[in-house]
Amino acid sequence: AEMCSHDCDCPNNQKCCSNGCGHQCMPPYREKPGVCPSKNLG
């Protein structure tokens, strides 16, 4: 279902995002703290 069409349709800091079949309001992505292991893992 199309539950939103633009970010302004969403409350607070939520964004209007695709959920794979429709669009809905979701909190934006935030990077988690920490450092990935070295890329020399093989």
All heavy atoms as atom14 arrays in JSON, in Angstrom:
{
  "sequence": "AEMCSHDCDCPNNQKCCSNGCGHQCMPPYREKPGVCPSKNLG",
  "atom14_mask": [
    [1, 1, 1, 1, 1, 0, 0, 0, 0, 0, 0, 0, 0, 0],
    [1, 1, 1, 1, 1, 1, 1, 1, 1, 0, 0, 0, 0, 0],
    [1, 1, 1, 1, 1, 1, 1, 1, 0, 0, 0, 0, 0, 0],
    [1, 1, 1, 1, 1, 1, 0, 0, 0, 0, 0, 0, 0, 0],
    [1, 1, 1, 1, 1, 1, 0, 0, 0, 0, 0, 0, 0, 0],
    [1, 1, 1, 1, 1, 1, 1, 1, 1, 1, 0, 0, 0, 0],
    [1, 1, 1, 1, 1, 1, 1, 1, 0, 0, 0, 0, 0, 0],
    [1, 1, 1, 1, 1, 1, 0, 0, 0, 0, 0, 0, 0, 0],
    [1, 1, 1, 1, 1, 1, 1, 1, 0, 0, 0, 0, 0, 0],
    [1, 1, 1, 1, 1, 1, 0, 0, 0, 0, 0, 0, 0, 0],
    [1, 1, 1, 1, 1, 1, 1, 0, 0, 0, 0, 0, 0, 0],
    [1, 1, 1, 1, 1, 1, 1, 1, 0, 0, 0, 0, 0, 0],
    [1, 1, 1, 1, 1, 1, 1, 1, 0, 0, 0, 0, 0, 0],
    [1, 1, 1, 1, 1, 1, 1, 1, 1, 0, 0, 0, 0, 0],
    [1, 1, 1, 1, 1, 1, 1, 1, 1, 0, 0, 0, 0, 0],
    [1, 1, 1, 1, 1, 1, 0, 0, 0, 0, 0, 0, 0, 0],
    [1, 1, 1, 1, 1, 1, 0, 0, 0, 0, 0, 0, 0, 0],
    [1, 1, 1, 1, 1, 1, 0, 0, 0, 0, 0, 0, 0, 0],
    [1, 1, 1, 1, 1, 1, 1, 1, 0, 0, 0, 0, 0, 0],
    [1, 1, 1, 1, 0, 0, 0, 0, 0, 0, 0, 0, 0, 0],
    [1, 1, 1, 1, 1, 1, 0, 0, 0, 0, 0, 0, 0, 0],
    [1, 1, 1, 1, 0, 0, 0, 0, 0, 0, 0, 0, 0, 0],
    [1, 1, 1, 1, 1, 1, 1, 1, 1, 1, 0, 0, 0, 0],
    [1, 1, 1, 1, 1, 1, 1, 1, 1, 0, 0, 0, 0, 0],
    [1, 1, 1, 1, 1, 1, 0, 0, 0, 0, 0, 0, 0, 0],
    [1, 1, 1, 1, 1, 1, 1, 1, 0, 0, 0, 0, 0, 0],
    [1, 1, 1, 1, 1, 1, 1, 0, 0, 0, 0, 0, 0, 0],
    [1, 1, 1, 1, 1, 1, 1, 0, 0, 0, 0, 0, 0, 0],
    [1, 1, 1, 1, 1, 1, 1, 1, 1, 1, 1, 1, 0, 0],
    [1, 1, 1, 1, 1, 1, 1, 1, 1, 1, 1, 0, 0, 0],
    [1, 1, 1, 1, 1, 1, 1, 1, 1, 0, 0, 0, 0, 0],
    [1, 1, 1, 1, 1, 1, 1, 1, 1, 0, 0, 0, 0, 0],
    [1, 1, 1, 1, 1, 1, 1, 0, 0, 0, 0, 0, 0, 0],
    [1, 1, 1, 1, 0, 0, 0, 0, 0, 0, 0, 0, 0, 0],
    [1, 1, 1, 1, 1, 1, 1, 0, 0, 0, 0, 0, 0, 0],
    [1, 1, 1, 1, 1, 1, 0, 0, 0, 0, 0, 0, 0, 0],
    [1, 1, 1, 1, 1, 1, 1, 0, 0, 0, 0, 0, 0, 0],
    [1, 1, 1, 1, 1, 1, 0, 0, 0, 0, 0, 0, 0, 0],
    [1, 1, 1, 1, 1, 1, 1, 1, 1, 0, 0, 0, 0, 0],
    [1, 1, 1, 1, 1, 1, 1, 1, 0, 0, 0, 0, 0, 0],
    [1, 1, 1, 1, 1, 1, 1, 1, 0, 0, 0, 0, 0, 0],
    [1, 1, 1, 1, 0, 0, 0, 0, 0, 0, 0, 0, 0, 0]
  ],
  "atom14_positions": [
    [[0.85, -1.19, 0.0], [0.0, 0.0, 0.0], [0.88, 1.23, 0.0], [1.99, 1.21, 0.51], [-0.9, 0.0, 1.23], [0.0, 0.0, 0.0], [0.0, 0.0, 0.0], [0.0, 0.0, 0.0], [0.0, 0.0, 0.0], [0.0, 0.0, 0.0], [0.0, 0.0, 0.0], [0.0, 0.0, 0.0], [0.0, 0.0, 0.0], [0.0, 0.0, 0.0]],
    [[0.39, 2.28, -0.59], [1.11, 3.56, -0.61], [0.61, 4.36, 0.59], [-0.41, 5.03, 0.52], [0.86, 4.3, -1.93], [1.41, 3.58, -3.15], [2.91, 3.43, -3.14], [3.61, 4.3, -2.6], [3.4, 2.41, -3.66], [0.0, 0.0, 0.0], [0.0, 0.0, 0.0], [0.0, 0.0, 0.0], [0.0, 0.0, 0.0], [0.0, 0.0, 0.0]],
    [[1.35, 4.27, 1.73], [0.93, 4.96, 2.95], [1.52, 6.36, 3.04], [1.22, 7.1, 3.96], [1.28, 4.11, 4.16], [0.5, 2.79, 4.15], [0.67, 1.86, 5.65], [2.14, 0.94, 5.31], [0.0, 0.0, 0.0], [0.0, 0.0, 0.0], [0.0, 0.0, 0.0], [0.0, 0.0, 0.0], [0.0, 0.0, 0.0], [0.0, 0.0, 0.0]],
    [[2.42, 6.7, 2.1], [2.97, 8.04, 2.01], [3.49, 8.22, 0.58], [3.71, 7.25, -0.14], [4.09, 8.26, 3.03], [5.51, 7.16, 2.82], [0.0, 0.0, 0.0], [0.0, 0.0, 0.0], [0.0, 0.0, 0.0], [0.0, 0.0, 0.0], [0.0, 0.0, 0.0], [0.0, 0.0, 0.0], [0.0, 0.0, 0.0], [0.0, 0.0, 0.0]],
    [[3.69, 9.49, 0.2], [4.26, 9.73, -1.13], [5.47, 10.67, -1.05], [6.27, 10.7, -1.98], [3.21, 10.3, -2.09], [2.64, 11.47, -1.54], [0.0, 0.0, 0.0], [0.0, 0.0, 0.0], [0.0, 0.0, 0.0], [0.0, 0.0, 0.0], [0.0, 0.0, 0.0], [0.0, 0.0, 0.0], [0.0, 0.0, 0.0], [0.0, 0.0, 0.0]],
    [[5.61, 11.42, 0.03], [6.74, 12.32, 0.23], [7.12, 12.31, 1.71], [6.3, 11.97, 2.56], [6.39, 13.77, -0.17], [5.96, 13.91, -1.58], [6.83, 13.82, -2.64], [4.73, 14.12, -2.12], [6.18, 13.98, -3.76], [4.89, 14.16, -3.49], [0.0, 0.0, 0.0], [0.0, 0.0, 0.0], [0.0, 0.0, 0.0], [0.0, 0.0, 0.0]],
    [[8.36, 12.71, 2.01], [8.83, 12.78, 3.4], [7.92, 13.65, 4.25], [7.72, 13.38, 5.43], [10.26, 13.31, 3.47], [11.3, 12.3, 2.98], [10.93, 11.14, 2.7], [12.47, 12.68, 2.89], [0.0, 0.0, 0.0], [0.0, 0.0, 0.0], [0.0, 0.0, 0.0], [0.0, 0.0, 0.0], [0.0, 0.0, 0.0], [0.0, 0.0, 0.0]],
    [[7.35, 14.7, 3.65], [6.51, 15.62, 4.44], [5.22, 14.95, 4.91], [4.54, 15.47, 5.79], [6.22, 16.89, 3.65], [5.35, 16.61, 2.1], [0.0, 0.0, 0.0], [0.0, 0.0, 0.0], [0.0, 0.0, 0.0], [0.0, 0.0, 0.0], [0.0, 0.0, 0.0], [0.0, 0.0, 0.0], [0.0, 0.0, 0.0], [0.0, 0.0, 0.0]],
    [[4.9, 13.76, 4.36], [3.73, 13.01, 4.83], [4.01, 12.26, 6.13], [3.1, 11.7, 6.73], [3.3, 11.98, 3.77], [2.87, 12.61, 2.46], [2.42, 13.78, 2.48], [2.99, 11.94, 1.42], [0.0, 0.0, 0.0], [0.0, 0.0, 0.0], [0.0, 0.0, 0.0], [0.0, 0.0, 0.0], [0.0, 0.0, 0.0], [0.0, 0.0, 0.0]],
    [[5.29, 12.23, 6.54], [5.71, 11.41, 7.68], [5.97, 12.28, 8.91], [6.45, 13.41, 8.8], [6.98, 10.65, 7.32], [6.75, 9.54, 5.91], [0.0, 0.0, 0.0], [0.0, 0.0, 0.0], [0.0, 0.0, 0.0], [0.0, 0.0, 0.0], [0.0, 0.0, 0.0], [0.0, 0.0, 0.0], [0.0, 0.0, 0.0], [0.0, 0.0, 0.0]],
    [[5.71, 11.72, 10.11], [5.92, 12.48, 11.34], [7.41, 12.59, 11.7], [8.23, 11.78, 11.3], [5.18, 11.65, 12.4], [5.23, 10.25, 11.88], [5.16, 10.38, 10.37], [0.0, 0.0, 0.0], [0.0, 0.0, 0.0], [0.0, 0.0, 0.0], [0.0, 0.0, 0.0], [0.0, 0.0, 0.0], [0.0, 0.0, 0.0], [0.0, 0.0, 0.0]],
    [[7.72, 13.6, 12.49], [9.06, 13.82, 13.05], [10.15, 13.7, 11.98], [10.05, 14.34, 10.95], [9.31, 12.88, 14.22], [8.24, 13.0, 15.28], [7.8, 14.1, 15.59], [7.8, 11.88, 15.84], [0.0, 0.0, 0.0], [0.0, 0.0, 0.0], [0.0, 0.0, 0.0], [0.0, 0.0, 0.0], [0.0, 0.0, 0.0], [0.0, 0.0, 0.0]],
    [[11.17, 12.86, 12.22], [12.28, 12.76, 11.27], [12.1, 11.58, 10.31], [13.01, 11.26, 9.55], [13.61, 12.63, 12.02], [13.74, 11.31, 12.76], [12.74, 10.67, 13.08], [14.96, 10.9, 13.02], [0.0, 0.0, 0.0], [0.0, 0.0, 0.0], [0.0, 0.0, 0.0], [0.0, 0.0, 0.0], [0.0, 0.0, 0.0], [0.0, 0.0, 0.0]],
    [[10.95, 10.91, 10.34], [10.75, 9.75, 9.48], [10.7, 10.16, 8.01], [10.35, 11.28, 7.67], [9.47, 9.01, 9.86], [9.58, 8.32, 11.21], [8.4, 7.41, 11.49], [7.51, 7.24, 10.66], [8.39, 6.83, 12.68], [0.0, 0.0, 0.0], [0.0, 0.0, 0.0], [0.0, 0.0, 0.0], [0.0, 0.0, 0.0], [0.0, 0.0, 0.0]],
    [[11.09, 9.19, 7.16], [11.12, 9.41, 5.72], [10.12, 8.48, 5.04], [9.79, 7.42, 5.57], [12.52, 9.12, 5.17], [13.57, 10.08, 5.71], [14.94, 9.81, 5.14], [15.09, 10.05, 3.67], [14.91, 11.41, 3.19], [0.0, 0.0, 0.0], [0.0, 0.0, 0.0], [0.0, 0.0, 0.0], [0.0, 0.0, 0.0], [0.0, 0.0, 0.0]],
    [[9.66, 8.85, 3.86], [8.77, 8.02, 3.06], [9.65, 7.07, 2.24], [10.35, 7.5, 1.33], [7.9, 8.88, 2.15], [6.69, 7.92, 1.22], [0.0, 0.0, 0.0], [0.0, 0.0, 0.0], [0.0, 0.0, 0.0], [0.0, 0.0, 0.0], [0.0, 0.0, 0.0], [0.0, 0.0, 0.0], [0.0, 0.0, 0.0], [0.0, 0.0, 0.0]],
    [[9.65, 5.77, 2.59], [10.58, 4.81, 2.0], [9.85, 3.62, 1.4], [8.78, 3.23, 1.85], [11.54, 4.29, 3.07], [12.46, 5.59, 3.91], [0.0, 0.0, 0.0], [0.0, 0.0, 0.0], [0.0, 0.0, 0.0], [0.0, 0.0, 0.0], [0.0, 0.0, 0.0], [0.0, 0.0, 0.0], [0.0, 0.0, 0.0], [0.0, 0.0, 0.0]],
    [[10.48, 3.01, 0.42], [9.96, 1.78, -0.18], [10.12, 0.64, 0.81], [11.15, 0.51, 1.46], [10.72, 1.46, -1.47], [10.36, 0.17, -1.93], [0.0, 0.0, 0.0], [0.0, 0.0, 0.0], [0.0, 0.0, 0.0], [0.0, 0.0, 0.0], [0.0, 0.0, 0.0], [0.0, 0.0, 0.0], [0.0, 0.0, 0.0], [0.0, 0.0, 0.0]],
    [[9.09, -0.19, 0.92], [9.18, -1.37, 1.78], [9.24, -2.65, 0.95], [9.07, -3.74, 1.46], [8.01, -1.41, 2.77], [6.67, -1.51, 2.07], [6.57, -1.82, 0.89], [5.61, -1.25, 2.81], [0.0, 0.0, 0.0], [0.0, 0.0, 0.0], [0.0, 0.0, 0.0], [0.0, 0.0, 0.0], [0.0, 0.0, 0.0], [0.0, 0.0, 0.0]],
    [[9.46, -2.51, -0.34], [9.54, -3.66, -1.24], [8.29, -3.87, -2.05], [8.31, -4.55, -3.07], [0.0, 0.0, 0.0], [0.0, 0.0, 0.0], [0.0, 0.0, 0.0], [0.0, 0.0, 0.0], [0.0, 0.0, 0.0], [0.0, 0.0, 0.0], [0.0, 0.0, 0.0], [0.0, 0.0, 0.0], [0.0, 0.0, 0.0], [0.0, 0.0, 0.0]],
    [[7.18, -3.3, -1.61], [5.93, -3.46, -2.33], [5.14, -2.16, -2.38], [4.39, -1.93, -3.3], [5.1, -4.56, -1.67], [3.61, -4.99, -2.59], [0.0, 0.0, 0.0], [0.0, 0.0, 0.0], [0.0, 0.0, 0.0], [0.0, 0.0, 0.0], [0.0, 0.0, 0.0], [0.0, 0.0, 0.0], [0.0, 0.0, 0.0], [0.0, 0.0, 0.0]],
    [[5.32, -1.31, -1.4], [4.65, -0.01, -1.34], [5.58, 0.99, -0.7], [6.8, 0.8, -0.7], [0.0, 0.0, 0.0], [0.0, 0.0, 0.0], [0.0, 0.0, 0.0], [0.0, 0.0, 0.0], [0.0, 0.0, 0.0], [0.0, 0.0, 0.0], [0.0, 0.0, 0.0], [0.0, 0.0, 0.0], [0.0, 0.0, 0.0], [0.0, 0.0, 0.0]],
    [[5.02, 2.06, -0.14], [5.83, 3.07, 0.56], [5.21, 3.31, 1.93], [3.98, 3.33, 2.07], [5.87, 4.38, -0.23], [6.78, 4.31, -1.41], [6.39, 3.78, -2.61], [8.07, 4.69, -1.55], [7.39, 3.83, -3.46], [8.43, 4.39, -2.85], [0.0, 0.0, 0.0], [0.0, 0.0, 0.0], [0.0, 0.0, 0.0], [0.0, 0.0, 0.0]],
    [[6.08, 3.47, 2.92], [5.6, 3.76, 4.27], [6.62, 4.63, 5.0], [7.78, 4.71, 4.59], [5.34, 2.47, 5.05], [6.6, 1.7, 5.41], [6.29, 0.37, 6.08], [5.78, -0.53, 5.43], [6.58, 0.28, 7.37], [0.0, 0.0, 0.0], [0.0, 0.0, 0.0], [0.0, 0.0, 0.0], [0.0, 0.0, 0.0], [0.0, 0.0, 0.0]],
    [[6.2, 5.28, 6.07], [7.08, 6.12, 6.87], [7.99, 5.25, 7.72], [7.52, 4.3, 8.35], [6.26, 7.05, 7.77], [5.27, 8.25, 6.83], [0.0, 0.0, 0.0], [0.0, 0.0, 0.0], [0.0, 0.0, 0.0], [0.0, 0.0, 0.0], [0.0, 0.0, 0.0], [0.0, 0.0, 0.0], [0.0, 0.0, 0.0], [0.0, 0.0, 0.0]],
    [[9.29, 5.55, 7.69], [10.28, 4.78, 8.46], [11.32, 5.73, 9.02], [11.62, 6.75, 8.41], [11.01, 3.79, 7.54], [10.18, 2.76, 6.89], [11.24, 1.71, 5.86], [10.02, 0.8, 4.96], [0.0, 0.0, 0.0], [0.0, 0.0, 0.0], [0.0, 0.0, 0.0], [0.0, 0.0, 0.0], [0.0, 0.0, 0.0], [0.0, 0.0, 0.0]],
    [[11.92, 5.36, 10.18], [13.03, 6.17, 10.68], [14.22, 6.04, 9.73], [14.43, 4.97, 9.15], [13.36, 5.58, 12.05], [12.48, 4.4, 12.23], [11.57, 4.27, 11.06], [0.0, 0.0, 0.0], [0.0, 0.0, 0.0], [0.0, 0.0, 0.0], [0.0, 0.0, 0.0], [0.0, 0.0, 0.0], [0.0, 0.0, 0.0], [0.0, 0.0, 0.0]],
    [[14.99, 7.1, 9.53], [16.13, 7.02, 8.62], [17.22, 6.1, 9.15], [17.34, 5.88, 10.35], [16.62, 8.46, 8.5], [16.14, 9.13, 9.73], [14.88, 8.43, 10.14], [0.0, 0.0, 0.0], [0.0, 0.0, 0.0], [0.0, 0.0, 0.0], [0.0, 0.0, 0.0], [0.0, 0.0, 0.0], [0.0, 0.0, 0.0], [0.0, 0.0, 0.0]],
    [[18.01, 5.59, 8.24], [19.15, 4.73, 8.55], [20.21, 5.52, 9.28], [20.48, 6.66, 8.96], [19.7, 4.17, 7.24], [21.12, 3.69, 7.32], [21.43, 2.48, 7.93], [22.16, 4.44, 6.79], [22.73, 2.05, 8.01], [23.46, 4.01, 6.86], [23.74, 2.81, 7.47], [25.04, 2.38, 7.55], [0.0, 0.0, 0.0], [0.0, 0.0, 0.0]],
    [[20.83, 4.9, 10.28], [21.96, 5.51, 10.99], [23.07, 4.47, 11.06], [22.83, 3.31, 11.38], [21.56, 5.92, 12.4], [20.69, 7.16, 12.41], [20.51, 7.69, 13.84], [19.8, 8.94, 13.82], [18.49, 9.06, 13.7], [17.73, 8.0, 13.54], [17.92, 10.25, 13.71], [0.0, 0.0, 0.0], [0.0, 0.0, 0.0], [0.0, 0.0, 0.0]],
    [[24.29, 4.91, 10.8], [25.43, 4.0, 10.87], [25.69, 3.63, 12.32], [25.65, 4.48, 13.21], [26.67, 4.67, 10.29], [27.86, 3.74, 10.25], [29.06, 4.36, 9.58], [28.93, 5.4, 8.92], [30.14, 3.8, 9.74], [0.0, 0.0, 0.0], [0.0, 0.0, 0.0], [0.0, 0.0, 0.0], [0.0, 0.0, 0.0], [0.0, 0.0, 0.0]],
    [[25.96, 2.36, 12.58], [26.26, 1.89, 13.93], [27.71, 2.24, 14.26], [28.56, 2.3, 13.37], [26.05, 0.39, 14.02], [24.6, -0.03, 13.88], [24.47, -1.54, 13.98], [23.04, -1.99, 13.79], [22.94, -3.46, 13.81], [0.0, 0.0, 0.0], [0.0, 0.0, 0.0], [0.0, 0.0, 0.0], [0.0, 0.0, 0.0], [0.0, 0.0, 0.0]],
    [[28.01, 2.46, 15.53], [29.4, 2.76, 15.9], [30.29, 1.54, 15.73], [29.81, 0.41, 15.67], [29.29, 3.16, 17.38], [28.06, 2.49, 17.86], [27.12, 2.44, 16.69], [0.0, 0.0, 0.0], [0.0, 0.0, 0.0], [0.0, 0.0, 0.0], [0.0, 0.0, 0.0], [0.0, 0.0, 0.0], [0.0, 0.0, 0.0], [0.0, 0.0, 0.0]],
    [[31.57, 1.78, 15.68], [32.54, 0.69, 15.57], [33.24, 0.72, 14.23], [32.85, 1.45, 13.32], [0.0, 0.0, 0.0], [0.0, 0.0, 0.0], [0.0, 0.0, 0.0], [0.0, 0.0, 0.0], [0.0, 0.0, 0.0], [0.0, 0.0, 0.0], [0.0, 0.0, 0.0], [0.0, 0.0, 0.0], [0.0, 0.0, 0.0], [0.0, 0.0, 0.0]],
    [[34.29, -0.06, 14.13], [35.11, -0.12, 12.92], [35.07, -1.54, 12.4], [35.29, -2.5, 13.16], [36.56, 0.31, 13.23], [37.43, 0.21, 12.0], [36.58, 1.73, 13.79], [0.0, 0.0, 0.0], [0.0, 0.0, 0.0], [0.0, 0.0, 0.0], [0.0, 0.0, 0.0], [0.0, 0.0, 0.0], [0.0, 0.0, 0.0], [0.0, 0.0, 0.0]],
    [[34.82, -1.7, 11.11], [34.82, -3.02, 10.5], [36.2, -3.64, 10.59], [37.21, -2.92, 10.56], [34.4, -2.94, 9.03], [32.63, -2.67, 8.8], [0.0, 0.0, 0.0], [0.0, 0.0, 0.0], [0.0, 0.0, 0.0], [0.0, 0.0, 0.0], [0.0, 0.0, 0.0], [0.0, 0.0, 0.0], [0.0, 0.0, 0.0], [0.0, 0.0, 0.0]],
    [[36.27, -4.97, 10.68], [37.57, -5.63, 10.67], [38.33, -5.3, 9.39], [37.73, -4.94, 8.38], [37.22, -7.12, 10.72], [35.83, -7.19, 11.21], [35.18, -5.92, 10.8], [0.0, 0.0, 0.0], [0.0, 0.0, 0.0], [0.0, 0.0, 0.0], [0.0, 0.0, 0.0], [0.0, 0.0, 0.0], [0.0, 0.0, 0.0], [0.0, 0.0, 0.0]],
    [[39.63, -5.46, 9.42], [40.47, -5.19, 8.26], [39.98, -5.98, 7.07], [39.52, -7.1, 7.19], [41.92, -5.57, 8.58], [42.69, -5.52, 7.42], [0.0, 0.0, 0.0], [0.0, 0.0, 0.0], [0.0, 0.0, 0.0], [0.0, 0.0, 0.0], [0.0, 0.0, 0.0], [0.0, 0.0, 0.0], [0.0, 0.0, 0.0], [0.0, 0.0, 0.0]],
    [[40.11, -5.39, 5.88], [39.68, -6.07, 4.66], [40.64, -7.2, 4.29], [40.4, -7.93, 3.36], [39.57, -5.07, 3.51], [38.45, -4.1, 3.71], [38.32, -3.14, 2.56], [37.19, -2.16, 2.86], [37.08, -1.13, 1.87], [0.0, 0.0, 0.0], [0.0, 0.0, 0.0], [0.0, 0.0, 0.0], [0.0, 0.0, 0.0], [0.0, 0.0, 0.0]],
    [[41.74, -7.34, 5.01], [42.7, -8.4, 4.72], [42.28, -9.71, 5.39], [43.09, -10.42, 5.95], [44.1, -8.0, 5.2], [44.57, -6.75, 4.51], [44.17, -6.47, 3.4], [45.43, -5.99, 5.17], [0.0, 0.0, 0.0], [0.0, 0.0, 0.0], [0.0, 0.0, 0.0], [0.0, 0.0, 0.0], [0.0, 0.0, 0.0], [0.0, 0.0, 0.0]],
    [[41.0, -10.02, 5.35], [40.49, -11.23, 5.99], [40.56, -12.42, 5.04], [40.15, -13.5, 5.39], [39.03, -11.02, 6.41], [38.78, -9.93, 7.43], [37.29, -9.73, 7.62], [39.42, -10.3, 8.75], [0.0, 0.0, 0.0], [0.0, 0.0, 0.0], [0.0, 0.0, 0.0], [0.0, 0.0, 0.0], [0.0, 0.0, 0.0], [0.0, 0.0, 0.0]],
    [[41.07, -12.22, 3.86], [41.01, -13.28, 2.87], [39.78, -13.07, 2.02], [39.13, -12.04, 2.08], [0.0, 0.0, 0.0], [0.0, 0.0, 0.0], [0.0, 0.0, 0.0], [0.0, 0.0, 0.0], [0.0, 0.0, 0.0], [0.0, 0.0, 0.0], [0.0, 0.0, 0.0], [0.0, 0.0, 0.0], [0.0, 0.0, 0.0], [0.0, 0.0, 0.0]]
  ]
}
